[in-house]
PDB file of N, CA and C in Angstrom:
ATOM      1  N   PRO A   1       7.196   1.907 -16.359  1.00  0.00           N
ATOM      2  CA  PRO A   1       7.038   2.083 -17.802  1.00  0.00           C
ATOM      3  C   PRO A   1       7.309   3.523 -18.237  1.00  0.00           C
ATOM      4  N   ALA A   2       7.766   3.683 -19.439  1.00  0.00           N
ATOM      5  CA  ALA A   2       8.098   5.008 -19.967  1.00  0.00           C
ATOM      6  C   ALA A   2       6.865   5.877 -20.181  1.00  0.00           C
ATOM      7  N   ASP A   3       5.695   5.263 -20.310  1.00  0.00           N
ATOM      8  CA  ASP A   3       4.487   6.034 -20.603  1.00  0.00           C
ATOM      9  C   ASP A   3       3.743   6.518 -19.353  1.00  0.00           C
ATOM     10  N   LEU A   4       4.371   6.443 -18.190  1.00  0.00           N
ATOM     11  CA  LEU A   4       3.711   6.920 -16.975  1.00  0.00           C
ATOM     12  C   LEU A   4       3.547   8.431 -17.019  1.00  0.00           C
ATOM     13  N   PRO A   5       2.346   8.909 -16.705  1.00  0.00           N
ATOM     14  CA  PRO A   5       2.178  10.355 -16.638  1.00  0.00           C
ATOM     15  C   PRO A   5       2.866  10.910 -15.394  1.00  0.00           C
ATOM     16  N   ARG A   6       3.151  12.184 -15.418  1.00  0.00           N
ATOM     17  CA  ARG A   6       3.741  12.838 -14.250  1.00  0.00           C
ATOM     18  C   ARG A   6       2.640  13.138 -13.250  1.00  0.00           C
ATOM     19  N   VAL A   7       2.919  12.836 -11.995  1.00  0.00           N
ATOM     20  CA  VAL A   7       2.009  13.215 -10.916  1.00  0.00           C
ATOM     21  C   VAL A   7       2.798  14.088  -9.952  1.00  0.00           C
ATOM     22  N   THR A   8       2.129  15.047  -9.369  1.00  0.00           N
ATOM     23  CA  THR A   8       2.788  15.949  -8.443  1.00  0.00           C
ATOM     24  C   THR A   8       2.577  15.434  -7.029  1.00  0.00           C
ATOM     25  N   VAL A   9       3.687  15.139  -6.347  1.00  0.00           N
ATOM     26  CA  VAL A   9       3.631  14.647  -4.974  1.00  0.00           C
ATOM     27  C   VAL A   9       4.721  15.314  -4.148  1.00  0.00           C
ATOM     28  N   ARG A  10       4.523  15.287  -2.844  1.00  0.00           N
ATOM     29  CA  ARG A  10       5.582  15.688  -1.937  1.00  0.00           C
ATOM     30  C   ARG A  10       6.459  14.442  -1.746  1.00  0.00           C
ATOM     31  N   ARG A  11       7.657  14.525  -2.289  1.00  0.00           N
ATOM     32  CA  ARG A  11       8.537  13.361  -2.387  1.00  0.00           C
ATOM     33  C   ARG A  11       8.731  12.651  -1.052  1.00  0.00           C
ATOM     34  N   ASP A  12       9.047  13.390   0.008  1.00  0.00           N
ATOM     35  CA  ASP A  12       9.321  12.752   1.296  1.00  0.00           C
ATOM     36  C   ASP A  12       8.093  12.022   1.830  1.00  0.00           C
ATOM     37  N   GLU A  13       6.914  12.576   1.611  1.00  0.00           N
ATOM     38  CA  GLU A  13       5.697  11.928   2.087  1.00  0.00           C
ATOM     39  C   GLU A  13       5.410  10.647   1.296  1.00  0.00           C
ATOM     40  N   MET A  14       5.579  10.705  -0.016  1.00  0.00           N
ATOM     41  CA  MET A  14       5.311   9.509  -0.821  1.00  0.00           C
ATOM     42  C   MET A  14       6.362   8.432  -0.554  1.00  0.00           C
ATOM     43  N   GLN A  15       7.596   8.840  -0.283  1.00  0.00           N
ATOM     44  CA  GLN A  15       8.620   7.867   0.101  1.00  0.00           C
ATOM     45  C   GLN A  15       8.223   7.165   1.396  1.00  0.00           C
ATOM     46  N   GLN A  16       7.646   7.917   2.322  1.00  0.00           N
ATOM     47  CA  GLN A  16       7.184   7.337   3.583  1.00  0.00           C
ATOM     48  C   GLN A  16       6.100   6.289   3.326  1.00  0.00           C
ATOM     49  N   VAL A  17       5.157   6.599   2.449  1.00  0.00           N
ATOM     50  CA  VAL A  17       4.092   5.652   2.108  1.00  0.00           C
ATOM     51  C   VAL A  17       4.690   4.389   1.503  1.00  0.00           C
ATOM     52  N   PHE A  18       5.519   4.555   0.489  1.00  0.00           N
ATOM     53  CA  PHE A  18       6.068   3.397  -0.206  1.00  0.00           C
ATOM     54  C   PHE A  18       6.961   2.566   0.710  1.00  0.00           C
ATOM     55  N   LEU A  19       7.773   3.211   1.536  1.00  0.00           N
ATOM     56  CA  LEU A  19       8.629   2.483   2.469  1.00  0.00           C
ATOM     57  C   LEU A  19       7.792   1.696   3.467  1.00  0.00           C
ATOM     58  N   ASN A  20       6.727   2.292   3.981  1.00  0.00           N
ATOM     59  CA  ASN A  20       5.861   1.596   4.929  1.00  0.00           C
ATOM     60  C   ASN A  20       5.252   0.356   4.282  1.00  0.00           C
ATOM     61  N   LEU A  21       4.768   0.483   3.049  1.00  0.00           N
ATOM     62  CA  LEU A  21       4.162  -0.660   2.364  1.00  0.00           C
ATOM     63  C   LEU A  21       5.189  -1.759   2.102  1.00  0.00           C
ATOM     64  N   ILE A  22       6.404  -1.375   1.760  1.00  0.00           N
ATOM     65  CA  ILE A  22       7.469  -2.362   1.524  1.00  0.00           C
ATOM     66  C   ILE A  22       7.847  -3.071   2.817  1.00  0.00           C
ATOM     67  N   LEU A  23       8.012  -2.316   3.900  1.00  0.00           N
ATOM     68  CA  LEU A  23       8.369  -2.926   5.184  1.00  0.00           C
ATOM     69  C   LEU A  23       7.258  -3.842   5.694  1.00  0.00           C
ATOM     70  N   ASN A  24       5.996  -3.440   5.499  1.00  0.00           N
ATOM     71  CA  ASN A  24       4.884  -4.316   5.884  1.00  0.00           C
ATOM     72  C   ASN A  24       4.916  -5.613   5.089  1.00  0.00           C
ATOM     73  N   ALA A  25       5.220  -5.514   3.804  1.00  0.00           N
ATOM     74  CA  ALA A  25       5.294  -6.718   2.969  1.00  0.00           C
ATOM     75  C   ALA A  25       6.410  -7.638   3.449  1.00  0.00           C
ATOM     76  N   ILE A  26       7.541  -7.068   3.787  1.00  0.00           N
ATOM     77  CA  ILE A  26       8.656  -7.875   4.290  1.00  0.00           C
ATOM     78  C   ILE A  26       8.263  -8.567   5.589  1.00  0.00           C
ATOM     79  N   ASP A  27       7.593  -7.844   6.481  1.00  0.00           N
ATOM     80  CA  ASP A  27       7.119  -8.425   7.741  1.00  0.00           C
ATOM     81  C   ASP A  27       6.151  -9.575   7.505  1.00  0.00           C
ATOM     82  N   ALA A  28       5.366  -9.496   6.432  1.00  0.00           N
ATOM     83  CA  ALA A  28       4.367 -10.525   6.126  1.00  0.00           C
ATOM     84  C   ALA A  28       4.983 -11.783   5.524  1.00  0.00           C
ATOM     85  N   MET A  29       6.302 -11.737   5.255  1.00  0.00           N
ATOM     86  CA  MET A  29       6.989 -12.880   4.642  1.00  0.00           C
ATOM     87  C   MET A  29       8.192 -13.292   5.500  1.00  0.00           C
ATOM     88  N   PRO A  30       7.962 -13.730   6.746  1.00  0.00           N
ATOM     89  CA  PRO A  30       9.082 -14.036   7.639  1.00  0.00           C
ATOM     90  C   PRO A  30       9.983 -15.165   7.132  1.00  0.00           C
ATOM     91  N   GLN A  31       9.456 -16.031   6.288  1.00  0.00           N
ATOM     92  CA  GLN A  31      10.254 -17.123   5.725  1.00  0.00           C
ATOM     93  C   GLN A  31      10.805 -16.769   4.350  1.00  0.00           C
ATOM     94  N   GLY A  32      10.657 -15.511   3.959  1.00  0.00           N
ATOM     95  CA  GLY A  32      11.067 -15.085   2.630  1.00  0.00           C
ATOM     96  C   GLY A  32       9.892 -15.134   1.682  1.00  0.00           C
ATOM     97  N   GLY A  33      10.073 -14.619   0.509  1.00  0.00           N
ATOM     98  CA  GLY A  33       8.996 -14.600  -0.468  1.00  0.00           C
ATOM     99  C   GLY A  33       9.306 -13.622  -1.580  1.00  0.00           C
ATOM    100  N   VAL A  34       8.270 -13.214  -2.270  1.00  0.00           N
ATOM    101  CA  VAL A  34       8.419 -12.324  -3.416  1.00  0.00           C
ATOM    102  C   VAL A  34       7.592 -11.072  -3.177  1.00  0.00           C
ATOM    103  N   LEU A  35       8.200  -9.922  -3.442  1.00  0.00           N
ATOM    104  CA  LEU A  35       7.502  -8.645  -3.426  1.00  0.00           C
ATOM    105  C   LEU A  35       7.617  -8.053  -4.820  1.00  0.00           C
ATOM    106  N   ARG A  36       6.470  -7.790  -5.424  1.00  0.00           N
ATOM    107  CA  ARG A  36       6.450  -7.171  -6.752  1.00  0.00           C
ATOM    108  C   ARG A  36       5.902  -5.758  -6.618  1.00  0.00           C
ATOM    109  N   VAL A  37       6.621  -4.807  -7.180  1.00  0.00           N
ATOM    110  CA  VAL A  37       6.172  -3.424  -7.213  1.00  0.00           C
ATOM    111  C   VAL A  37       5.964  -3.082  -8.679  1.00  0.00           C
ATOM    112  N   ARG A  38       4.752  -2.660  -8.987  1.00  0.00           N
ATOM    113  CA  ARG A  38       4.423  -2.357 -10.384  1.00  0.00           C
ATOM    114  C   ARG A  38       3.766  -0.984 -10.464  1.00  0.00           C
ATOM    115  N   ALA A  39       4.078  -0.273 -11.528  1.00  0.00           N
ATOM    116  CA  ALA A  39       3.460   1.024 -11.789  1.00  0.00           C
ATOM    117  C   ALA A  39       2.820   0.970 -13.166  1.00  0.00           C
ATOM    118  N   ALA A  40       1.642   1.580 -13.279  1.00  0.00           N
ATOM    119  CA  ALA A  40       0.937   1.596 -14.559  1.00  0.00           C
ATOM    120  C   ALA A  40       0.126   2.877 -14.666  1.00  0.00           C
ATOM    121  N   PRO A  41      -0.019   3.378 -15.885  1.00  0.00           N
ATOM    122  CA  PRO A  41      -0.868   4.556 -16.073  1.00  0.00           C
ATOM    123  C   PRO A  41      -2.340   4.164 -15.944  1.00  0.00           C
ATOM    124  N   THR A  42      -3.162   5.102 -15.503  1.00  0.00           N
ATOM    125  CA  THR A  42      -4.603   4.889 -15.479  1.00  0.00           C
ATOM    126  C   THR A  42      -5.239   5.921 -16.414  1.00  0.00           C
ATOM    127  N   VAL A  43      -6.417   5.586 -16.928  1.00  0.00           N
ATOM    128  CA  VAL A  43      -7.050   6.436 -17.919  1.00  0.00           C
ATOM    129  C   VAL A  43      -8.227   7.219 -17.343  1.00  0.00           C
ATOM    130  N   ASP A  44      -9.105   6.543 -16.627  1.00  0.00           N
ATOM    131  CA  ASP A  44     -10.330   7.196 -16.172  1.00  0.00           C
ATOM    132  C   ASP A  44     -10.515   7.014 -14.682  1.00  0.00           C
ATOM    133  N   PRO A  45     -10.059   7.938 -13.889  1.00  0.00           N
ATOM    134  CA  PRO A  45      -9.394   9.192 -14.218  1.00  0.00           C
ATOM    135  C   PRO A  45      -7.910   8.980 -14.467  1.00  0.00           C
ATOM    136  N   ALA A  46      -7.318   9.943 -15.127  1.00  0.00           N
ATOM    137  CA  ALA A  46      -5.909   9.865 -15.504  1.00  0.00           C
ATOM    138  C   ALA A  46      -5.019   9.944 -14.271  1.00  0.00           C
ATOM    139  N   GLY A  47      -4.020   9.100 -14.246  1.00  0.00           N
ATOM    140  CA  GLY A  47      -3.077   9.100 -13.139  1.00  0.00           C
ATOM    141  C   GLY A  47      -2.134   7.920 -13.211  1.00  0.00           C
ATOM    142  N   VAL A  48      -1.639   7.536 -12.054  1.00  0.00           N
ATOM    143  CA  VAL A  48      -0.695   6.425 -11.939  1.00  0.00           C
ATOM    144  C   VAL A  48      -1.163   5.512 -10.819  1.00  0.00           C
ATOM    145  N   ARG A  49      -1.059   4.226 -11.078  1.00  0.00           N
ATOM    146  CA  ARG A  49      -1.366   3.208 -10.073  1.00  0.00           C
ATOM    147  C   ARG A  49      -0.071   2.480  -9.744  1.00  0.00           C
ATOM    148  N   VAL A  50       0.267   2.431  -8.452  1.00  0.00           N
ATOM    149  CA  VAL A  50       1.454   1.701  -8.004  1.00  0.00           C
ATOM    150  C   VAL A  50       0.977   0.598  -7.066  1.00  0.00           C
ATOM    151  N   SER A  51       1.307  -0.643  -7.402  1.00  0.00           N
ATOM    152  CA  SER A  51       0.866  -1.760  -6.574  1.00  0.00           C
ATOM    153  C   SER A  51       2.059  -2.481  -5.960  1.00  0.00           C
ATOM    154  N   PHE A  52       1.844  -2.947  -4.739  1.00  0.00           N
ATOM    155  CA  PHE A  52       2.837  -3.669  -3.953  1.00  0.00           C
ATOM    156  C   PHE A  52       2.210  -5.015  -3.611  1.00  0.00           C
ATOM    157  N   THR A  53       2.685  -6.084  -4.244  1.00  0.00           N
ATOM    158  CA  THR A  53       2.095  -7.411  -4.057  1.00  0.00           C
ATOM    159  C   THR A  53       3.125  -8.334  -3.431  1.00  0.00           C
ATOM    160  N   ASP A  54       2.762  -8.897  -2.268  1.00  0.00           N
ATOM    161  CA  ASP A  54       3.671  -9.836  -1.604  1.00  0.00           C
ATOM    162  C   ASP A  54       3.085 -11.246  -1.635  1.00  0.00           C
ATOM    163  N   SER A  55       3.947 -12.207  -1.433  1.00  0.00           N
ATOM    164  CA  SER A  55       3.532 -13.610  -1.393  1.00  0.00           C
ATOM    165  C   SER A  55       3.468 -14.092   0.053  1.00  0.00           C
ATOM    166  N   GLY A  56       3.180 -13.197   0.946  1.00  0.00           N
ATOM    167  CA  GLY A  56       3.170 -13.500   2.380  1.00  0.00           C
ATOM    168  C   GLY A  56       1.933 -14.226   2.855  1.00  0.00           C
ATOM    169  N   MET A  57       1.697 -14.114   4.167  1.00  0.00           N
ATOM    170  CA  MET A  57       0.639 -14.886   4.816  1.00  0.00           C
ATOM    171  C   MET A  57      -0.760 -14.323   4.598  1.00  0.00           C
ATOM    172  N   GLY A  58      -0.856 -13.149   4.034  1.00  0.00           N
ATOM    173  CA  GLY A  58      -2.172 -12.552   3.816  1.00  0.00           C
ATOM    174  C   GLY A  58      -2.736 -11.957   5.094  1.00  0.00           C
ATOM    175  N   ILE A  59      -3.866 -11.309   4.965  1.00  0.00           N
ATOM    176  CA  ILE A  59      -4.520 -10.635   6.080  1.00  0.00           C
ATOM    177  C   ILE A  59      -5.824 -11.365   6.373  1.00  0.00           C
ATOM    178  N   ALA A  60      -6.073 -11.605   7.655  1.00  0.00           N
ATOM    179  CA  ALA A  60      -7.305 -12.281   8.058  1.00  0.00           C
ATOM    180  C   ALA A  60      -8.517 -11.479   7.601  1.00  0.00           C
ATOM    181  N   LYS A  61      -9.539 -12.192   7.159  1.00  0.00           N
ATOM    182  CA  LYS A  61     -10.749 -11.565   6.634  1.00  0.00           C
ATOM    183  C   LYS A  61     -11.358 -10.588   7.640  1.00  0.00           C
ATOM    184  N   GLU A  62     -11.351 -10.933   8.920  1.00  0.00           N
ATOM    185  CA  GLU A  62     -11.950 -10.061   9.931  1.00  0.00           C
ATOM    186  C   GLU A  62     -11.137  -8.789  10.166  1.00  0.00           C
ATOM    187  N   ALA A  63      -9.872  -8.778   9.789  1.00  0.00           N
ATOM    188  CA  ALA A  63      -9.023  -7.596   9.957  1.00  0.00           C
ATOM    189  C   ALA A  63      -9.159  -6.617   8.786  1.00  0.00           C
ATOM    190  N   MET A  64      -9.571  -7.094   7.639  1.00  0.00           N
ATOM    191  CA  MET A  64      -9.594  -6.267   6.431  1.00  0.00           C
ATOM    192  C   MET A  64     -10.353  -4.943   6.577  1.00  0.00           C
ATOM    193  N   PRO A  65     -11.546  -4.926   7.181  1.00  0.00           N
ATOM    194  CA  PRO A  65     -12.263  -3.650   7.273  1.00  0.00           C
ATOM    195  C   PRO A  65     -11.581  -2.613   8.164  1.00  0.00           C
ATOM    196  N   HIS A  66     -10.595  -3.033   8.940  1.00  0.00           N
ATOM    197  CA  HIS A  66      -9.956  -2.146   9.918  1.00  0.00           C
ATOM    198  C   HIS A  66      -8.551  -1.703   9.530  1.00  0.00           C
ATOM    199  N   MET A  67      -8.058  -2.132   8.387  1.00  0.00           N
ATOM    200  CA  MET A  67      -6.650  -1.946   8.038  1.00  0.00           C
ATOM    201  C   MET A  67      -6.161  -0.496   8.097  1.00  0.00           C
ATOM    202  N   PHE A  68      -7.013   0.461   7.804  1.00  0.00           N
ATOM    203  CA  PHE A  68      -6.579   1.858   7.765  1.00  0.00           C
ATOM    204  C   PHE A  68      -7.088   2.666   8.964  1.00  0.00           C
ATOM    205  N   GLN A  69      -7.628   1.976   9.961  1.00  0.00           N
ATOM    206  CA  GLN A  69      -8.150   2.671  11.136  1.00  0.00           C
ATOM    207  C   GLN A  69      -7.022   3.121  12.061  1.00  0.00           C
ATOM    208  N   PHE A  70      -7.217   4.278  12.662  1.00  0.00           N
ATOM    209  CA  PHE A  70      -6.275   4.849  13.623  1.00  0.00           C
ATOM    210  C   PHE A  70      -6.058   3.880  14.776  1.00  0.00           C
ATOM    211  N   LEU A  71      -4.793   3.581  15.066  1.00  0.00           N
ATOM    212  CA  LEU A  71      -4.338   2.720  16.162  1.00  0.00           C
ATOM    213  C   LEU A  71      -4.701   1.246  16.009  1.00  0.00           C
ATOM    214  N   TYR A  72      -5.186   0.821  14.845  1.00  0.00           N
ATOM    215  CA  TYR A  72      -5.464  -0.600  14.616  1.00  0.00           C
ATOM    216  C   TYR A  72      -4.183  -1.278  14.136  1.00  0.00           C
ATOM    217  N   THR A  73      -3.838  -2.378  14.775  1.00  0.00           N
ATOM    218  CA  THR A  73      -2.652  -3.128  14.354  1.00  0.00           C
ATOM    219  C   THR A  73      -2.889  -4.621  14.507  1.00  0.00           C
ATOM    220  N   THR A  74      -2.214  -5.391  13.680  1.00  0.00           N
ATOM    221  CA  THR A  74      -2.221  -6.846  13.808  1.00  0.00           C
ATOM    222  C   THR A  74      -0.844  -7.339  14.252  1.00  0.00           C
ATOM    223  N   LYS A  75       0.074  -6.404  14.464  1.00  0.00           N
ATOM    224  CA  LYS A  75       1.448  -6.752  14.837  1.00  0.00           C
ATOM    225  C   LYS A  75       1.634  -6.655  16.353  1.00  0.00           C
ATOM    226  N   LYS A  76       2.433  -7.566  16.913  1.00  0.00           N
ATOM    227  CA  LYS A  76       2.712  -7.541  18.357  1.00  0.00           C
ATOM    228  C   LYS A  76       3.380  -6.236  18.779  1.00  0.00           C
ATOM    229  N   GLN A  77       4.269  -5.720  17.969  1.00  0.00           N
ATOM    230  CA  GLN A  77       4.988  -4.483  18.288  1.00  0.00           C
ATOM    231  C   GLN A  77       4.488  -3.293  17.480  1.00  0.00           C
ATOM    232  N   GLY A  78       3.331  -3.420  16.856  1.00  0.00           N
ATOM    233  CA  GLY A  78       2.818  -2.353  16.006  1.00  0.00           C
ATOM    234  C   GLY A  78       2.190  -1.215  16.795  1.00  0.00           C
ATOM    235  N   THR A  79       2.141  -0.049  16.163  1.00  0.00           N
ATOM    236  CA  THR A  79       1.540   1.121  16.794  1.00  0.00           C
ATOM    237  C   THR A  79       0.148   1.421  16.244  1.00  0.00           C
ATOM    238  N   GLY A  80      -0.172   0.876  15.087  1.00  0.00           N
ATOM    239  CA  GLY A  80      -1.450   1.180  14.468  1.00  0.00           C
ATOM    240  C   GLY A  80      -1.470   2.531  13.775  1.00  0.00           C
ATOM    241  N   LEU A  81      -0.294   3.066  13.502  1.00  0.00           N
ATOM    242  CA  LEU A  81      -0.206   4.366  12.840  1.00  0.00           C
ATOM    243  C   LEU A  81       0.187   4.263  11.375  1.00  0.00           C
ATOM    244  N   GLY A  82       0.942   3.235  11.003  1.00  0.00           N
ATOM    245  CA  GLY A  82       1.528   3.149   9.668  1.00  0.00           C
ATOM    246  C   GLY A  82       0.536   3.285   8.532  1.00  0.00           C
ATOM    247  N   LEU A  83      -0.441   2.384   8.455  1.00  0.00           N
ATOM    248  CA  LEU A  83      -1.387   2.428   7.340  1.00  0.00           C
ATOM    249  C   LEU A  83      -2.346   3.601   7.456  1.00  0.00           C
ATOM    250  N   PHE A  84      -2.660   4.003   8.683  1.00  0.00           N
ATOM    251  CA  PHE A  84      -3.498   5.189   8.875  1.00  0.00           C
ATOM    252  C   PHE A  84      -2.805   6.415   8.286  1.00  0.00           C
ATOM    253  N   VAL A  85      -1.528   6.594   8.612  1.00  0.00           N
ATOM    254  CA  VAL A  85      -0.766   7.736   8.093  1.00  0.00           C
ATOM    255  C   VAL A  85      -0.626   7.636   6.578  1.00  0.00           C
ATOM    256  N   CYS A  86      -0.371   6.432   6.068  1.00  0.00           N
ATOM    257  CA  CYS A  86      -0.282   6.249   4.616  1.00  0.00           C
ATOM    258  C   CYS A  86      -1.565   6.701   3.931  1.00  0.00           C
ATOM    259  N   GLN A  87      -2.703   6.306   4.472  1.00  0.00           N
ATOM    260  CA  GLN A  87      -3.975   6.697   3.876  1.00  0.00           C
ATOM    261  C   GLN A  87      -4.153   8.213   3.907  1.00  0.00           C
ATOM    262  N   GLU A  88      -3.787   8.844   5.008  1.00  0.00           N
ATOM    263  CA  GLU A  88      -3.909  10.296   5.110  1.00  0.00           C
ATOM    264  C   GLU A  88      -3.026  10.999   4.081  1.00  0.00           C
ATOM    265  N   ILE A  89      -1.799  10.524   3.927  1.00  0.00           N
ATOM    266  CA  ILE A  89      -0.879  11.127   2.955  1.00  0.00           C
ATOM    267  C   ILE A  89      -1.428  10.985   1.539  1.00  0.00           C
ATOM    268  N   VAL A  90      -1.869   9.784   1.192  1.00  0.00           N
ATOM    269  CA  VAL A  90      -2.376   9.541  -0.157  1.00  0.00           C
ATOM    270  C   VAL A  90      -3.628  10.381  -0.408  1.00  0.00           C
ATOM    271  N   ARG A  91      -4.522  10.435   0.554  1.00  0.00           N
ATOM    272  CA  ARG A  91      -5.739  11.248   0.390  1.00  0.00           C
ATOM    273  C   ARG A  91      -5.400  12.731   0.247  1.00  0.00           C
ATOM    274  N   ASN A  92      -4.400  13.193   1.009  1.00  0.00           N
ATOM    275  CA  ASN A  92      -3.987  14.595   0.905  1.00  0.00           C
ATOM    276  C   ASN A  92      -3.408  14.916  -0.472  1.00  0.00           C
ATOM    277  N   HIS A  93      -2.985  13.891  -1.183  1.00  0.00           N
ATOM    278  CA  HIS A  93      -2.497  14.050  -2.549  1.00  0.00           C
ATOM    279  C   HIS A  93      -3.625  13.865  -3.567  1.00  0.00           C
ATOM    280  N   GLY A  94      -4.849  13.703  -3.097  1.00  0.00           N
ATOM    281  CA  GLY A  94      -5.987  13.515  -3.996  1.00  0.00           C
ATOM    282  C   GLY A  94      -6.103  12.110  -4.532  1.00  0.00           C
ATOM    283  N   GLY A  95      -5.440  11.159  -3.890  1.00  0.00           N
ATOM    284  CA  GLY A  95      -5.442   9.784  -4.367  1.00  0.00           C
ATOM    285  C   GLY A  95      -6.195   8.832  -3.456  1.00  0.00           C
ATOM    286  N   GLU A  96      -5.991   7.554  -3.700  1.00  0.00           N
ATOM    287  CA  GLU A  96      -6.621   6.496  -2.918  1.00  0.00           C
ATOM    288  C   GLU A  96      -5.607   5.400  -2.651  1.00  0.00           C
ATOM    289  N   ILE A  97      -5.795   4.698  -1.530  1.00  0.00           N
ATOM    290  CA  ILE A  97      -5.014   3.505  -1.243  1.00  0.00           C
ATOM    291  C   ILE A  97      -6.006   2.392  -0.927  1.00  0.00           C
ATOM    292  N   MET A  98      -5.779   1.228  -1.508  1.00  0.00           N
ATOM    293  CA  MET A  98      -6.689   0.097  -1.360  1.00  0.00           C
ATOM    294  C   MET A  98      -5.887  -1.154  -1.014  1.00  0.00           C
ATOM    295  N   VAL A  99      -6.566  -2.122  -0.432  1.00  0.00           N
ATOM    296  CA  VAL A  99      -5.916  -3.377  -0.096  1.00  0.00           C
ATOM    297  C   VAL A  99      -6.795  -4.545  -0.525  1.00  0.00           C
ATOM    298  N   GLU A 100      -6.155  -5.572  -1.053  1.00  0.00           N
ATOM    299  CA  GLU A 100      -6.792  -6.847  -1.366  1.00  0.00           C
ATOM    300  C   GLU A 100      -5.895  -7.923  -0.785  1.00  0.00           C
ATOM    301  N   SER A 101      -6.506  -8.942  -0.186  1.00  0.00           N
ATOM    302  CA  SER A 101      -5.689  -9.974   0.433  1.00  0.00           C
ATOM    303  C   SER A 101      -6.429 -11.301   0.476  1.00  0.00           C
ATOM    304  N   THR A 102      -5.648 -12.372   0.396  1.00  0.00           N
ATOM    305  CA  THR A 102      -6.159 -13.720   0.568  1.00  0.00           C
ATOM    306  C   THR A 102      -5.285 -14.392   1.610  1.00  0.00           C
ATOM    307  N   GLU A 103      -5.915 -14.830   2.701  1.00  0.00           N
ATOM    308  CA  GLU A 103      -5.150 -15.484   3.752  1.00  0.00           C
ATOM    309  C   GLU A 103      -4.358 -16.650   3.181  1.00  0.00           C
ATOM    310  N   GLY A 104      -3.078 -16.683   3.512  1.00  0.00           N
ATOM    311  CA  GLY A 104      -2.204 -17.742   3.060  1.00  0.00           C
ATOM    312  C   GLY A 104      -1.665 -17.557   1.653  1.00  0.00           C
ATOM    313  N   ALA A 105      -2.089 -16.513   0.957  1.00  0.00           N
ATOM    314  CA  ALA A 105      -1.673 -16.346  -0.437  1.00  0.00           C
ATOM    315  C   ALA A 105      -1.084 -14.977  -0.746  1.00  0.00           C
ATOM    316  N   GLY A 106      -1.127 -14.034   0.187  1.00  0.00           N
ATOM    317  CA  GLY A 106      -0.503 -12.747  -0.062  1.00  0.00           C
ATOM    318  C   GLY A 106      -1.464 -11.582  -0.085  1.00  0.00           C
ATOM    319  N   THR A 107      -0.869 -10.414  -0.250  1.00  0.00           N
ATOM    320  CA  THR A 107      -1.613  -9.157  -0.158  1.00  0.00           C
ATOM    321  C   THR A 107      -1.122  -8.190  -1.224  1.00  0.00           C
ATOM    322  N   THR A 108      -2.044  -7.376  -1.715  1.00  0.00           N
ATOM    323  CA  THR A 108      -1.703  -6.294  -2.638  1.00  0.00           C
ATOM    324  C   THR A 108      -2.248  -4.986  -2.090  1.00  0.00           C
ATOM    325  N   PHE A 109      -1.360  -4.025  -1.907  1.00  0.00           N
ATOM    326  CA  PHE A 109      -1.751  -2.650  -1.611  1.00  0.00           C
ATOM    327  C   PHE A 109      -1.568  -1.866  -2.899  1.00  0.00           C
ATOM    328  N   THR A 110      -2.566  -1.083  -3.256  1.00  0.00           N
ATOM    329  CA  THR A 110      -2.511  -0.279  -4.466  1.00  0.00           C
ATOM    330  C   THR A 110      -2.690   1.187  -4.107  1.00  0.00           C
ATOM    331  N   VAL A 111      -1.764   1.992  -4.587  1.00  0.00           N
ATOM    332  CA  VAL A 111      -1.827   3.438  -4.402  1.00  0.00           C
ATOM    333  C   VAL A 111      -2.140   4.045  -5.757  1.00  0.00           C
ATOM    334  N   TRP A 112      -3.208   4.834  -5.812  1.00  0.00           N
ATOM    335  CA  TRP A 112      -3.570   5.520  -7.047  1.00  0.00           C
ATOM    336  C   TRP A 112      -3.401   7.016  -6.828  1.00  0.00           C
ATOM    337  N   LEU A 113      -2.712   7.650  -7.757  1.00  0.00           N
ATOM    338  CA  LEU A 113      -2.457   9.092  -7.685  1.00  0.00           C
ATOM    339  C   LEU A 113      -2.946   9.749  -8.962  1.00  0.00           C
ATOM    340  N   ARG A 114      -3.628  10.862  -8.801  1.00  0.00           N
ATOM    341  CA  ARG A 114      -4.217  11.600  -9.925  1.00  0.00           C
ATOM    342  C   ARG A 114      -3.138  12.406 -10.647  1.00  0.00           C
ATOM    343  N   GLU A 115      -3.275  12.442 -11.957  1.00  0.00           N
ATOM    344  CA  GLU A 115      -2.355  13.213 -12.806  1.00  0.00           C
ATOM    345  C   GLU A 115      -2.489  14.698 -12.525  1.00  0.00           C
TER     346      GLU A 115
END
């Protein structure tokens, strides 16, 4: 949207976060699906919220509390670094990253960055 406030980020680091979230979404939809990326301004506190919503298989309820833990992975070939590094980058920018998921119905990762 045209009304998004400007946020100051290190471009290469934020690209890494967004690329990781997109690739994870693609991995979660092996039969294909829909990935929606949306950006919206936030008011209290002021900033930008970017959400990545896929129509994939979702995340198991027991895995949810561990999603951002160092070396935790649900992938056969995963390293457990991707979401951990994403969280560190977002936090270093003064923001937050959150996840919501329903098994069998998809997942939304939301990155919030302060103005």
